[in-house]
C-alpha atoms as a PDB file:
ATOM      1  CA  UNK A   1     110.437 -32.632 -64.499  1.00  0.00           C
ATOM      2  CA  UNK A   2     106.732 -32.002 -65.169  1.00  0.00           C
ATOM      3  CA  UNK A   3     105.875 -28.592 -66.584  1.00  0.00           C
ATOM      4  CA  UNK A   4     103.604 -26.341 -64.572  1.00  0.00           C
ATOM      5  CA  UNK A   5     100.278 -25.562 -66.193  1.00  0.00           C
ATOM      6  CA  UNK A   6      99.750 -22.145 -67.693  1.00  0.00           C
ATOM      7  CA  UNK A   7      96.495 -20.291 -67.107  1.00  0.00           C
ATOM      8  CA  UNK A   8      96.766 -18.358 -70.366  1.00  0.00           C
ATOM      9  CA  UNK A   9      94.262 -18.698 -73.197  1.00  0.00           C
ATOM     10  CA  UNK A  10      95.146 -18.033 -76.849  1.00  0.00           C
ATOM     11  CA  UNK A  11      92.070 -17.369 -78.990  1.00  0.00           C
ATOM     12  CA  UNK A  12      92.567 -18.079 -82.716  1.00  0.00           C
ATOM     13  CA  UNK A  13      90.174 -17.266 -85.516  1.00  0.00           C
ATOM     14  CA  UNK A  14      90.361 -18.101 -89.207  1.00  0.00           C
ATOM     15  CA  UNK A  15      90.557 -21.270 -91.239  1.00  0.00           C
ATOM     16  CA  UNK A  16      92.446 -24.484 -90.744  1.00  0.00           C
ATOM     17  CA  UNK A  17      95.567 -23.208 -92.527  1.00  0.00           C
ATOM     18  CA  UNK A  18      95.998 -20.257 -90.175  1.00  0.00           C
ATOM     19  CA  UNK A  19      95.500 -22.482 -87.151  1.00  0.00           C
ATOM     20  CA  UNK A  20      98.101 -24.941 -88.414  1.00  0.00           C
ATOM     21  CA  UNK A  21     100.540 -22.048 -88.891  1.00  0.00           C
ATOM     22  CA  UNK A  22     100.119 -20.967 -85.268  1.00  0.00           C
ATOM     23  CA  UNK A  23     101.403 -24.352 -84.070  1.00  0.00           C
ATOM     24  CA  UNK A  24     104.898 -23.170 -84.996  1.00  0.00           C
ATOM     25  CA  UNK A  25     104.798 -20.971 -81.875  1.00  0.00           C
ATOM     26  CA  UNK A  26     103.876 -23.719 -79.437  1.00  0.00           C
ATOM     27  CA  UNK A  27     107.380 -25.059 -78.809  1.00  0.00           C
ATOM     28  CA  UNK A  28     108.159 -21.783 -77.030  1.00  0.00           C
ATOM     29  CA  UNK A  29     104.991 -21.776 -74.925  1.00  0.00           C
ATOM     30  CA  UNK A  30     104.334 -23.667 -71.717  1.00  0.00           C
ATOM     31  CA  UNK A  31     101.252 -25.885 -71.485  1.00  0.00           C
ATOM     32  CA  UNK A  32      98.867 -23.200 -72.704  1.00  0.00           C
ATOM     33  CA  UNK A  33      95.158 -23.317 -73.485  1.00  0.00           C
ATOM     34  CA  UNK A  34      93.834 -22.699 -76.988  1.00  0.00           C
ATOM     35  CA  UNK A  35      90.440 -21.734 -78.388  1.00  0.00           C
ATOM     36  CA  UNK A  36      90.055 -22.621 -82.053  1.00  0.00           C
ATOM     37  CA  UNK A  37      87.506 -23.560 -84.702  1.00  0.00           C
ATOM     38  CA  UNK A  38      89.889 -26.440 -85.463  1.00  0.00           C
ATOM     39  CA  UNK A  39      90.646 -27.853 -82.000  1.00  0.00           C
ATOM     40  CA  UNK A  40      91.792 -31.263 -83.261  1.00  0.00           C
ATOM     41  CA  UNK A  41      94.828 -29.639 -84.887  1.00  0.00           C
ATOM     42  CA  UNK A  42      96.223 -29.200 -81.366  1.00  0.00           C
ATOM     43  CA  UNK A  43      95.552 -32.720 -80.079  1.00  0.00           C
ATOM     44  CA  UNK A  44      98.498 -34.414 -78.327  1.00  0.00           C
ATOM     45  CA  UNK A  45     100.743 -31.373 -78.586  1.00  0.00           C
ATOM     46  CA  UNK A  46     102.923 -31.527 -75.453  1.00  0.00           C
ATOM     47  CA  UNK A  47     102.712 -27.766 -74.908  1.00  0.00           C
ATOM     48  CA  UNK A  48      98.910 -27.530 -75.107  1.00  0.00           C
ATOM     49  CA  UNK A  49      96.958 -28.132 -71.908  1.00  0.00           C
ATOM     50  CA  UNK A  50      93.508 -28.015 -73.549  1.00  0.00           C
ATOM     51  CA  UNK A  51      91.919 -26.712 -76.748  1.00  0.00           C
ATOM     52  CA  UNK A  52      88.395 -25.287 -76.559  1.00  0.00           C
ATOM     53  CA  UNK A  53      86.073 -25.145 -79.527  1.00  0.00           C
ATOM     54  CA  UNK A  54      85.707 -21.591 -80.856  1.00  0.00           C
ATOM     55  CA  UNK A  55      82.177 -20.472 -80.045  1.00  0.00           C
ATOM     56  CA  UNK A  56      82.210 -16.704 -79.768  1.00  0.00           C
ATOM     57  CA  UNK A  57      79.397 -14.348 -80.687  1.00  0.00           C
ATOM     58  CA  UNK A  58      78.440 -10.906 -79.376  1.00  0.00           C
ATOM     59  CA  UNK A  59      75.125 -12.417 -78.247  1.00  0.00           C
ATOM     60  CA  UNK A  60      76.799 -14.684 -75.664  1.00  0.00           C
ATOM     61  CA  UNK A  61      78.136 -13.327 -72.360  1.00  0.00           C
ATOM     62  CA  UNK A  62      81.631 -14.853 -72.066  1.00  0.00           C
ATOM     63  CA  UNK A  63      82.944 -12.747 -69.161  1.00  0.00           C
ATOM     64  CA  UNK A  64      82.754 -15.459 -66.522  1.00  0.00           C
ATOM     65  CA  UNK A  65      84.576 -17.934 -68.757  1.00  0.00           C
ATOM     66  CA  UNK A  66      87.381 -15.582 -69.828  1.00  0.00           C
ATOM     67  CA  UNK A  67      87.884 -14.182 -66.323  1.00  0.00           C
ATOM     68  CA  UNK A  68      88.949 -17.635 -65.159  1.00  0.00           C
ATOM     69  CA  UNK A  69      92.206 -17.230 -67.112  1.00  0.00           C
ATOM     70  CA  UNK A  70      95.146 -15.128 -65.972  1.00  0.00           C
ATOM     71  CA  UNK A  71      95.568 -13.774 -69.491  1.00  0.00           C
ATOM     72  CA  UNK A  72      93.437 -13.993 -72.654  1.00  0.00           C
ATOM     73  CA  UNK A  73      95.136 -13.195 -75.951  1.00  0.00           C
ATOM     74  CA  UNK A  74      93.163 -12.802 -79.180  1.00  0.00           C
ATOM     75  CA  UNK A  75      95.636 -13.613 -81.948  1.00  0.00           C
ATOM     76  CA  UNK A  76      95.132 -12.310 -85.494  1.00  0.00           C
ATOM     77  CA  UNK A  77      97.885 -12.970 -88.034  1.00  0.00           C
ATOM     78  CA  UNK A  78      96.434 -10.578 -90.601  1.00  0.00           C
ATOM     79  CA  UNK A  79      97.445  -7.460 -88.679  1.00  0.00           C
ATOM     80  CA  UNK A  80      99.230  -4.208 -89.502  1.00  0.00           C
ATOM     81  CA  UNK A  81     102.642  -5.861 -89.595  1.00  0.00           C
ATOM     82  CA  UNK A  82     101.441  -8.537 -92.023  1.00  0.00           C
ATOM     83  CA  UNK A  83     100.019  -6.001 -94.468  1.00  0.00           C
ATOM     84  CA  UNK A  84     102.852  -3.460 -94.260  1.00  0.00           C
ATOM     85  CA  UNK A  85     105.868  -5.793 -94.428  1.00  0.00           C
ATOM     86  CA  UNK A  86     106.949  -8.771 -96.509  1.00  0.00           C
ATOM     87  CA  UNK A  87     106.583 -11.612 -94.034  1.00  0.00           C
ATOM     88  CA  UNK A  88     105.511 -15.258 -94.069  1.00  0.00           C
ATOM     89  CA  UNK A  89     102.347 -15.924 -92.067  1.00  0.00           C
ATOM     90  CA  UNK A  90     104.186 -18.353 -89.753  1.00  0.00           C
ATOM     91  CA  UNK A  91     106.747 -15.686 -88.920  1.00  0.00           C
ATOM     92  CA  UNK A  92     104.041 -13.108 -88.353  1.00  0.00           C
ATOM     93  CA  UNK A  93     102.493 -15.324 -85.701  1.00  0.00           C
ATOM     94  CA  UNK A  94     105.943 -15.604 -84.168  1.00  0.00           C
ATOM     95  CA  UNK A  95     106.362 -11.829 -84.397  1.00  0.00           C
ATOM     96  CA  UNK A  96     103.090 -11.342 -82.495  1.00  0.00           C
ATOM     97  CA  UNK A  97     104.401 -13.576 -79.709  1.00  0.00           C
ATOM     98  CA  UNK A  98     107.882 -11.968 -79.784  1.00  0.00           C
ATOM     99  CA  UNK A  99     109.541 -15.140 -81.044  1.00  0.00           C
ATOM    100  CA  UNK A 100     112.403 -15.248 -83.542  1.00  0.00           C
ATOM    101  CA  UNK A 101     111.706 -15.671 -87.253  1.00  0.00           C
ATOM    102  CA  UNK A 102     112.328 -19.004 -88.939  1.00  0.00           C
ATOM    103  CA  UNK A 103     114.414 -19.104 -92.110  1.00  0.00           C
ATOM    104  CA  UNK A 104     112.404 -22.140 -93.179  1.00  0.00           C
ATOM    105  CA  UNK A 105     108.941 -21.910 -91.573  1.00  0.00           C
ATOM    106  CA  UNK A 106     107.383 -25.093 -90.256  1.00  0.00           C
ATOM    107  CA  UNK A 107     104.383 -26.238 -88.232  1.00  0.00           C
ATOM    108  CA  UNK A 108     103.851 -28.878 -85.550  1.00  0.00           C
ATOM    109  CA  UNK A 109     101.111 -31.516 -85.619  1.00  0.00           C
ATOM    110  CA  UNK A 110     101.531 -34.422 -83.207  1.00  0.00           C
ATOM    111  CA  UNK A 111     100.035 -37.899 -83.631  1.00  0.00           C
ATOM    112  CA  UNK A 112      99.591 -40.452 -80.867  1.00  0.00           C
ATOM    113  CA  UNK A 113     100.557 -44.125 -81.001  1.00  0.00           C
ATOM    114  CA  UNK A 114      96.850 -45.007 -81.017  1.00  0.00           C
ATOM    115  CA  UNK A 115      96.440 -42.862 -84.133  1.00  0.00           C
ATOM    116  CA  UNK A 116      99.397 -44.625 -85.731  1.00  0.00           C
ATOM    117  CA  UNK A 117      97.752 -47.986 -85.039  1.00  0.00           C
ATOM    118  CA  UNK A 118      94.378 -46.799 -86.375  1.00  0.00           C
ATOM    119  CA  UNK A 119      96.056 -45.591 -89.561  1.00  0.00           C
ATOM    120  CA  UNK A 120      97.623 -48.949 -90.455  1.00  0.00           C
ATOM    121  CA  UNK A 121      94.518 -50.551 -92.068  1.00  0.00           C
ATOM    122  CA  UNK A 122      93.930 -47.361 -94.085  1.00  0.00           C
ATOM    123  CA  UNK A 123      97.522 -47.440 -95.313  1.00  0.00           C
ATOM    124  CA  UNK A 124      97.126 -51.080 -96.344  1.00  0.00           C
ATOM    125  CA  UNK A 125      94.082 -50.142 -98.446  1.00  0.00           C
ATOM    126  CA  UNK A 126      95.776 -47.172-100.091  1.00  0.00           C
ATOM    127  CA  UNK A 127      99.157 -48.846-100.694  1.00  0.00           C
ATOM    128  CA  UNK A 128     101.044 -46.800-103.313  1.00  0.00           C
ATOM    129  CA  UNK A 129      99.385 -43.358-103.016  1.00  0.00           C
ATOM    130  CA  UNK A 130      99.672 -39.590-103.126  1.00  0.00           C
ATOM    131  CA  UNK A 131      97.312 -36.837-101.936  1.00  0.00           C
ATOM    132  CA  UNK A 132      95.840 -34.072-104.087  1.00  0.00           C
ATOM    133  CA  UNK A 133      93.837 -30.962-103.263  1.00  0.00           C
ATOM    134  CA  UNK A 134      92.672 -28.899-106.227  1.00  0.00           C
ATOM    135  CA  UNK A 135      89.629 -27.163-104.708  1.00  0.00           C
ATOM    136  CA  UNK A 136      89.538 -25.193-101.463  1.00  0.00           C
ATOM    137  CA  UNK A 137      86.726 -23.394 -99.687  1.00  0.00           C
ATOM    138  CA  UNK A 138      84.920 -22.902-103.018  1.00  0.00           C
ATOM    139  CA  UNK A 139      84.384 -26.666-103.277  1.00  0.00           C
ATOM    140  CA  UNK A 140      80.616 -26.145-103.494  1.00  0.00           C
ATOM    141  CA  UNK A 141      80.893 -23.778-106.480  1.00  0.00           C
ATOM    142  CA  UNK A 142      80.041 -25.107-109.930  1.00  0.00           C
ATOM    143  CA  UNK A 143      82.650 -22.813-111.463  1.00  0.00           C
ATOM    144  CA  UNK A 144      86.108 -22.457-109.904  1.00  0.00           C
ATOM    145  CA  UNK A 145      87.604 -20.684-112.917  1.00  0.00           C
ATOM    146  CA  UNK A 146      87.396 -17.017-111.946  1.00  0.00           C
ATOM    147  CA  UNK A 147      89.789 -14.194-111.073  1.00  0.00           C
ATOM    148  CA  UNK A 148      91.125 -14.596-107.553  1.00  0.00           C
ATOM    149  CA  UNK A 149      90.174 -18.268-107.210  1.00  0.00           C
ATOM    150  CA  UNK A 150      92.721 -20.501-105.496  1.00  0.00           C
ATOM    151  CA  UNK A 151      91.205 -23.574-107.176  1.00  0.00           C
ATOM    152  CA  UNK A 152      92.017 -24.814-110.654  1.00  0.00           C
ATOM    153  CA  UNK A 153      89.473 -25.749-113.294  1.00  0.00           C
ATOM    154  CA  UNK A 154      87.931 -29.080-112.483  1.00  0.00           C
ATOM    155  CA  UNK A 155      88.624 -30.552-115.928  1.00  0.00           C
ATOM    156  CA  UNK A 156      92.300 -29.557-115.620  1.00  0.00           C
ATOM    157  CA  UNK A 157      92.459 -31.116-112.158  1.00  0.00           C
ATOM    158  CA  UNK A 158      90.882 -34.313-113.497  1.00  0.00           C
ATOM    159  CA  UNK A 159      93.465 -34.552-116.292  1.00  0.00           C
ATOM    160  CA  UNK A 160      96.320 -34.318-113.758  1.00  0.00           C
ATOM    161  CA  UNK A 161      94.678 -36.992-111.596  1.00  0.00           C
ATOM    162  CA  UNK A 162      94.264 -39.283-114.606  1.00  0.00           C
ATOM    163  CA  UNK A 163      97.926 -38.985-115.619  1.00  0.00           C
ATOM    164  CA  UNK A 164      99.097 -39.786-112.078  1.00  0.00           C
ATOM    165  CA  UNK A 165      96.629 -42.646-111.752  1.00  0.00           C
ATOM    166  CA  UNK A 166      96.873 -44.310-115.165  1.00  0.00           C
ATOM    167  CA  UNK A 167     100.288 -43.287-116.538  1.00  0.00           C
ATOM    168  CA  UNK A 168     102.339 -43.173-113.333  1.00  0.00           C
ATOM    169  CA  UNK A 169     100.347 -46.039-111.740  1.00  0.00           C
ATOM    170  CA  UNK A 170      99.933 -44.245-108.411  1.00  0.00           C
ATOM    171  CA  UNK A 171      96.731 -44.202-106.365  1.00  0.00           C
ATOM    172  CA  UNK A 172      95.297 -40.717-105.836  1.00  0.00           C
ATOM    173  CA  UNK A 173      93.590 -39.719-102.590  1.00  0.00           C
ATOM    174  CA  UNK A 174      91.595 -36.509-102.976  1.00  0.00           C
ATOM    175  CA  UNK A 175      91.340 -34.138-100.007  1.00  0.00           C
ATOM    176  CA  UNK A 176      87.801 -32.801 -99.739  1.00  0.00           C
ATOM    177  CA  UNK A 177      85.309 -31.525 -97.188  1.00  0.00           C
ATOM    178  CA  UNK A 178      81.754 -32.421 -98.243  1.00  0.00           C
ATOM    179  CA  UNK A 179      81.937 -33.964-101.683  1.00  0.00           C
ATOM    180  CA  UNK A 180      84.559 -35.682-103.823  1.00  0.00           C
ATOM    181  CA  UNK A 181      84.378 -33.879-107.157  1.00  0.00           C
ATOM    182  CA  UNK A 182      86.814 -36.101-109.045  1.00  0.00           C
ATOM    183  CA  UNK A 183      86.826 -39.533-110.657  1.00  0.00           C
ATOM    184  CA  UNK A 184      89.593 -42.129-110.498  1.00  0.00           C
ATOM    185  CA  UNK A 185      90.472 -41.328-106.895  1.00  0.00           C
ATOM    186  CA  UNK A 186      90.710 -43.679-103.917  1.00  0.00           C
ATOM    187  CA  UNK A 187      87.542 -44.821-102.196  1.00  0.00           C
ATOM    188  CA  UNK A 188      88.360 -46.458 -98.868  1.00  0.00           C
ATOM    189  CA  UNK A 189      84.769 -46.701 -97.552  1.00  0.00           C
ATOM    190  CA  UNK A 190      85.218 -44.478 -94.531  1.00  0.00           C
ATOM    191  CA  UNK A 191      85.054 -40.788 -93.787  1.00  0.00           C
ATOM    192  CA  UNK A 192      88.399 -39.059 -93.327  1.00  0.00           C
ATOM    193  CA  UNK A 193      88.943 -35.961 -91.208  1.00  0.00           C
ATOM    194  CA  UNK A 194      91.468 -33.220 -91.933  1.00  0.00           C
ATOM    195  CA  UNK A 195      93.576 -34.670 -89.137  1.00  0.00           C
ATOM    196  CA  UNK A 196      93.552 -38.002 -91.009  1.00  0.00           C
ATOM    197  CA  UNK A 197      94.729 -36.247 -94.175  1.00  0.00           C
ATOM    198  CA  UNK A 198      97.602 -34.573 -92.295  1.00  0.00           C
ATOM    199  CA  UNK A 199      98.617 -37.950 -90.886  1.00  0.00           C
ATOM    200  CA  UNK A 200      98.339 -39.761 -94.228  1.00  0.00           C
ATOM    201  CA  UNK A 201     100.528 -37.126 -95.873  1.00  0.00           C
ATOM    202  CA  UNK A 202     103.403 -38.275 -93.664  1.00  0.00           C
ATOM    203  CA  UNK A 203     103.389 -41.663 -95.429  1.00  0.00           C
ATOM    204  CA  UNK A 204     102.394 -40.555 -98.937  1.00  0.00           C
ATOM    205  CA  UNK A 205     104.730 -40.721-101.926  1.00  0.00           C
ATOM    206  CA  UNK A 206     103.990 -37.070-102.629  1.00  0.00           C
ATOM    207  CA  UNK A 207     101.212 -34.553-103.210  1.00  0.00           C
ATOM    208  CA  UNK A 208      99.895 -31.897-105.582  1.00  0.00           C
ATOM    209  CA  UNK A 209      97.921 -29.060-104.028  1.00  0.00           C
ATOM    210  CA  UNK A 210      96.685 -25.497-104.220  1.00  0.00           C
ATOM    211  CA  UNK A 211      97.001 -22.752-101.616  1.00  0.00           C
ATOM    212  CA  UNK A 212      94.964 -24.557 -98.980  1.00  0.00           C
ATOM    213  CA  UNK A 213      95.327 -26.835 -95.952  1.00  0.00           C
ATOM    214  CA  UNK A 214      97.391 -29.596 -97.608  1.00  0.00           C
ATOM    215  CA  UNK A 215     100.114 -27.042 -98.322  1.00  0.00           C
ATOM    216  CA  UNK A 216     100.348 -26.161 -94.620  1.00  0.00           C
ATOM    217  CA  UNK A 217     100.107 -29.795 -93.519  1.00  0.00           C
ATOM    218  CA  UNK A 218     103.172 -30.561 -95.641  1.00  0.00           C
ATOM    219  CA  UNK A 219     105.235 -28.213 -93.448  1.00  0.00           C
ATOM    220  CA  UNK A 220     104.657 -30.305 -90.324  1.00  0.00           C
ATOM    221  CA  UNK A 221     108.198 -30.776 -88.997  1.00  0.00           C
ATOM    222  CA  UNK A 222     107.448 -34.482 -88.497  1.00  0.00           C
ATOM    223  CA  UNK A 223     106.539 -34.907 -92.191  1.00  0.00           C
ATOM    224  CA  UNK A 224     109.276 -35.214 -94.840  1.00  0.00           C
ATOM    225  CA  UNK A 225     106.905 -35.534 -97.802  1.00  0.00           C
ATOM    226  CA  UNK A 226     107.528 -32.975-100.550  1.00  0.00           C
ATOM    227  CA  UNK A 227     105.091 -31.980-103.283  1.00  0.00           C
ATOM    228  CA  UNK A 228     103.960 -29.415-105.838  1.00  0.00           C
ATOM    229  CA  UNK A 229     101.866 -26.403-104.823  1.00  0.00           C
ATOM    230  CA  UNK A 230     100.004 -24.223-107.330  1.00  0.00           C
ATOM    231  CA  UNK A 231      99.558 -20.485-106.663  1.00  0.00           C
ATOM    232  CA  UNK A 232      97.496 -17.737-108.276  1.00  0.00           C
ATOM    233  CA  UNK A 233      99.828 -14.899-107.255  1.00  0.00           C
ATOM    234  CA  UNK A 234     103.537 -14.337-106.471  1.00  0.00           C
ATOM    235  CA  UNK A 235     102.589 -12.375-103.348  1.00  0.00           C
ATOM    236  CA  UNK A 236     100.514 -15.226-101.918  1.00  0.00           C
ATOM    237  CA  UNK A 237     103.218 -17.678-102.937  1.00  0.00           C
ATOM    238  CA  UNK A 238     105.815 -15.858-100.809  1.00  0.00           C
ATOM    239  CA  UNK A 239     103.604 -15.366 -97.757  1.00  0.00           C
ATOM    240  CA  UNK A 240     102.231 -18.904 -97.526  1.00  0.00           C
ATOM    241  CA  UNK A 241     104.643 -21.271 -99.282  1.00  0.00           C
ATOM    242  CA  UNK A 242     107.198 -23.706 -97.886  1.00  0.00           C
ATOM    243  CA  UNK A 243     110.591 -23.998 -99.573  1.00  0.00           C
ATOM    244  CA  UNK A 244     110.698 -27.812 -99.266  1.00  0.00           C
ATOM    245  CA  UNK A 245     108.038 -27.981-102.021  1.00  0.00           C
ATOM    246  CA  UNK A 246     108.100 -26.979-105.678  1.00  0.00           C
ATOM    247  CA  UNK A 247     105.953 -23.838-105.793  1.00  0.00           C
ATOM    248  CA  UNK A 248     104.485 -22.884-109.181  1.00  0.00           C
ATOM    249  CA  UNK A 249     102.794 -19.536-109.840  1.00  0.00           C
ATOM    250  CA  UNK A 250     100.089 -19.231-112.500  1.00  0.00           C
ATOM    251  CA  UNK A 251     101.020 -18.181-116.014  1.00  0.00           C
ATOM    252  CA  UNK A 252      97.922 -15.919-116.137  1.00  0.00           C
ATOM    253  CA  UNK A 253      97.871 -13.277-113.351  1.00  0.00           C
ATOM    254  CA  UNK A 254      95.287 -14.031-110.617  1.00  0.00           C
ATOM    255  CA  UNK A 255      93.755 -16.898-112.607  1.00  0.00           C
ATOM    256  CA  UNK A 256      94.865 -20.499-112.051  1.00  0.00           C
ATOM    257  CA  UNK A 257      96.439 -21.551-115.363  1.00  0.00           C
ATOM    258  CA  UNK A 258      99.160 -24.208-115.487  1.00  0.00           C
ATOM    259  CA  UNK A 259     100.739 -26.455-118.089  1.00  0.00           C
ATOM    260  CA  UNK A 260      99.748 -29.913-116.865  1.00  0.00           C
ATOM    261  CA  UNK A 261     102.913 -31.437-118.329  1.00  0.00           C
ATOM    262  CA  UNK A 262     105.047 -29.053-116.291  1.00  0.00           C
ATOM    263  CA  UNK A 263     103.019 -29.887-113.192  1.00  0.00           C
ATOM    264  CA  UNK A 264     103.617 -33.599-113.811  1.00  0.00           C
ATOM    265  CA  UNK A 265     107.342 -33.046-114.496  1.00  0.00           C
ATOM    266  CA  UNK A 266     107.741 -31.194-111.217  1.00  0.00           C
ATOM    267  CA  UNK A 267     105.689 -33.813-109.408  1.00  0.00           C
ATOM    268  CA  UNK A 268     107.960 -36.612-110.647  1.00  0.00           C
ATOM    269  CA  UNK A 269     110.959 -34.620-109.357  1.00  0.00           C
ATOM    270  CA  UNK A 270     109.442 -34.554-105.874  1.00  0.00           C
ATOM    271  CA  UNK A 271     108.680 -38.282-106.157  1.00  0.00           C
ATOM    272  CA  UNK A 272     112.375 -38.994-106.652  1.00  0.00           C
ATOM    273  CA  UNK A 273     113.344 -36.645-103.798  1.00  0.00           C
ATOM    274  CA  UNK A 274     110.857 -38.331-101.451  1.00  0.00           C
ATOM    275  CA  UNK A 275     112.332 -41.744-102.298  1.00  0.00           C
ATOM    276  CA  UNK A 276     115.862 -40.439-101.617  1.00  0.00           C
ATOM    277  CA  UNK A 277     114.844 -38.997 -98.239  1.00  0.00           C
ATOM    278  CA  UNK A 278     113.269 -42.266 -97.109  1.00  0.00           C
ATOM    279  CA  UNK A 279     115.920 -44.644 -98.465  1.00  0.00           C
END
């Protein structure tokens, strides 16, 4: 039986990671409308009627638009409950919508058959590959080695890439926004979107990432790929991690310092686990 359309609008702010986390709530909603800065995250989700591009400013009169909906909900995960309790961000979204907590938080990103078909030539170019993401929103910064940074030093990142590429003989696809900062990574002669990266992760042999979008993409309930995630703080680790992965917290408080050999050892563990899951 076809679901009736909802006339509710959920307005989400924040980065791609927060928007991915909200998708965990959608299974319990009924054909809702979304407004997001990352509308493509919600493509093809069976419980989303339409996703509008986030374009709100106090200088624009939005009353006529919003009054066309029966209910408009502005959703902010970083609320009083988030800051005064110990809760994963996925479960705080669920708390806001009065949904039950998940013991193992997950997200939901759907891909169409057309997207599967479009991905096939990319997969044939990449062959044996993993994804890495070592720099987040500070990608444009010359220096990523400072207190509070989620990114690791670029020379350390390059050394991990080189070991995976040359020693383990695995192709490395770097997740980036504007500019690929690293050598010895895959060049497939076409621009990839963040939706492409989320889709490619489903078929990758593994991944190594920081606290950024690739971490949240790995928790898509349709993706079995496990990986290693690097954190600059135990508190952030708890609130944003996913237990399927190996989560490593920095050895130097609030500064991203890791033994590359330990990172590689943990990565090879996830490689074996990914093979076991798919065999």
